Amino acid sequence: MKKIEVIFPPSRIYELRETLAEHMLFEFIVSDVKDIAPKNVRVIDYKGVQHISDEKAAFKLELITSDTRANNITEALSIALIGYGTDSKILVTNVHEVATH
């Protein structure tokens, strides 16, 4: 089994959900995360005071699938994220055991 994790801009959530639905995947986890990196440095105004921030809003999608489907799903997610370059990341890892209660 494989675990697929995708970090992506919030604006792409609908495209990714449609892509997963096309692959008959309807159960996954989406978390609100912060992408912290030097490339994100910008000046923001908060309550009239300027601050320098290196944070950018992002979502993290997580799902577990079979080894045979992982490559097709990863490729489809990559296509759905075209044009977002380094703002999107896909990580695929092996899962040895899934414990449910």
Protein backbone atom coordinates (compact mmCIF):
# COMPACT_ATOMS: atom_id res chain seq x y z
CA MET A 1 0.00 0.00 0.00
CA LYS A 2 1.05 3.59 -0.58
CA LYS A 3 0.33 6.84 1.21
CA ILE A 4 0.06 9.88 -1.05
CA GLU A 5 0.47 13.34 0.49
CA VAL A 6 -0.08 16.49 -1.54
CA ILE A 7 0.69 20.05 -0.41
CA PHE A 8 -1.11 22.54 -2.65
CA PRO A 9 -2.63 26.04 -2.81
CA PRO A 10 -6.19 26.26 -1.40
CA SER A 11 -7.46 27.47 -4.77
CA ARG A 12 -6.87 23.99 -6.27
CA ILE A 13 -9.08 21.97 -3.90
CA TYR A 14 -11.95 21.55 -6.36
CA GLU A 15 -9.69 20.35 -9.18
CA LEU A 16 -8.09 17.77 -6.89
CA ARG A 17 -11.46 16.54 -5.59
CA GLU A 18 -12.69 16.09 -9.17
CA THR A 19 -9.51 14.24 -10.10
CA LEU A 20 -9.87 11.87 -7.15
CA ALA A 21 -13.56 11.28 -7.94
CA GLU A 22 -12.58 10.28 -11.49
CA HIS A 23 -10.41 7.59 -9.86
CA MET A 24 -13.27 6.53 -7.57
CA LEU A 25 -11.57 7.94 -4.47
CA PHE A 26 -14.02 9.66 -2.18
CA GLU A 27 -12.32 9.23 1.20
CA PHE A 28 -9.26 11.30 2.01
CA ILE A 29 -8.05 13.80 4.60
CA VAL A 30 -7.51 17.51 3.91
CA SER A 31 -5.71 19.66 6.49
CA ASP A 32 -5.08 23.39 6.64
CA VAL A 33 -1.30 23.91 6.83
CA LYS A 34 1.28 26.68 6.42
CA ASP A 35 3.98 26.56 3.75
CA ILE A 36 7.00 28.24 5.35
CA ALA A 37 9.88 29.02 3.03
CA PRO A 38 12.18 31.91 2.06
CA LYS A 39 10.41 32.10 -1.32
CA ASN A 40 7.24 33.20 0.50
CA VAL A 41 8.73 36.32 2.17
CA ARG A 42 6.45 39.32 1.87
CA VAL A 43 5.41 42.37 3.88
CA ILE A 44 1.90 42.22 5.37
CA ASP A 45 -0.15 44.79 7.27
CA TYR A 46 -1.82 43.58 10.46
CA LYS A 47 -3.78 46.09 12.52
CA GLY A 48 -1.84 48.97 10.99
CA VAL A 49 1.59 47.48 11.69
CA GLN A 50 3.80 46.03 8.96
CA HIS A 51 5.33 42.57 9.48
CA ILE A 52 7.57 40.39 7.36
CA SER A 53 6.10 36.91 6.87
CA ASP A 54 7.48 33.77 5.26
CA GLU A 55 4.19 31.85 5.64
CA LYS A 56 1.74 30.99 2.90
CA ALA A 57 -1.62 29.26 3.31
CA ALA A 58 -1.74 25.73 1.93
CA PHE A 59 -3.75 22.51 2.17
CA LYS A 60 -2.43 19.01 2.70
CA LEU A 61 -4.31 16.08 1.19
CA GLU A 62 -3.59 12.56 2.46
CA LEU A 63 -4.85 9.23 1.17
CA ILE A 64 -3.89 5.58 1.18
CA THR A 65 -4.23 3.41 -1.91
CA SER A 66 -2.98 0.16 -3.38
CA ASP A 67 0.44 -0.09 -4.97
CA THR A 68 -1.10 -0.72 -8.38
CA ARG A 69 -3.22 2.47 -8.33
CA ALA A 70 -0.63 4.80 -6.75
CA ASN A 71 1.21 5.72 -9.96
CA ASN A 72 -1.98 6.56 -11.88
CA ILE A 73 -3.36 8.64 -9.02
CA THR A 74 -0.07 10.49 -8.51
CA GLU A 75 0.17 11.27 -12.22
CA ALA A 76 -3.43 12.54 -12.33
CA LEU A 77 -2.83 14.77 -9.29
CA SER A 78 0.32 16.14 -10.90
CA ILE A 79 -1.66 17.07 -14.03
CA ALA A 80 -4.33 18.78 -11.90
CA LEU A 81 -1.60 20.90 -10.28
CA ILE A 82 0.14 21.99 -13.50
CA GLY A 83 1.10 25.64 -13.41
CA TYR A 84 1.69 25.82 -9.66
CA GLY A 85 5.36 24.77 -9.76
CA THR A 86 7.06 24.74 -6.38
CA ASP A 87 3.84 25.73 -4.57
CA SER A 88 2.74 22.09 -4.89
CA LYS A 89 4.49 19.00 -3.61
CA ILE A 90 3.56 15.31 -3.90
CA LEU A 91 5.07 12.70 -1.60
CA VAL A 92 4.49 8.95 -1.96
CA THR A 93 5.58 6.58 0.81
CA ASN A 94 5.17 2.88 1.55
CA VAL A 95 2.62 1.83 4.15
CA HIS A 96 3.29 -1.48 5.88
CA GLU A 97 0.20 -1.66 8.05
CA VAL A 98 -3.07 0.20 8.49
CA ALA A 99 -4.65 -0.10 11.93
CA THR A 100 -8.34 0.74 12.26
CA HIS A 101 -10.58 0.73 15.30
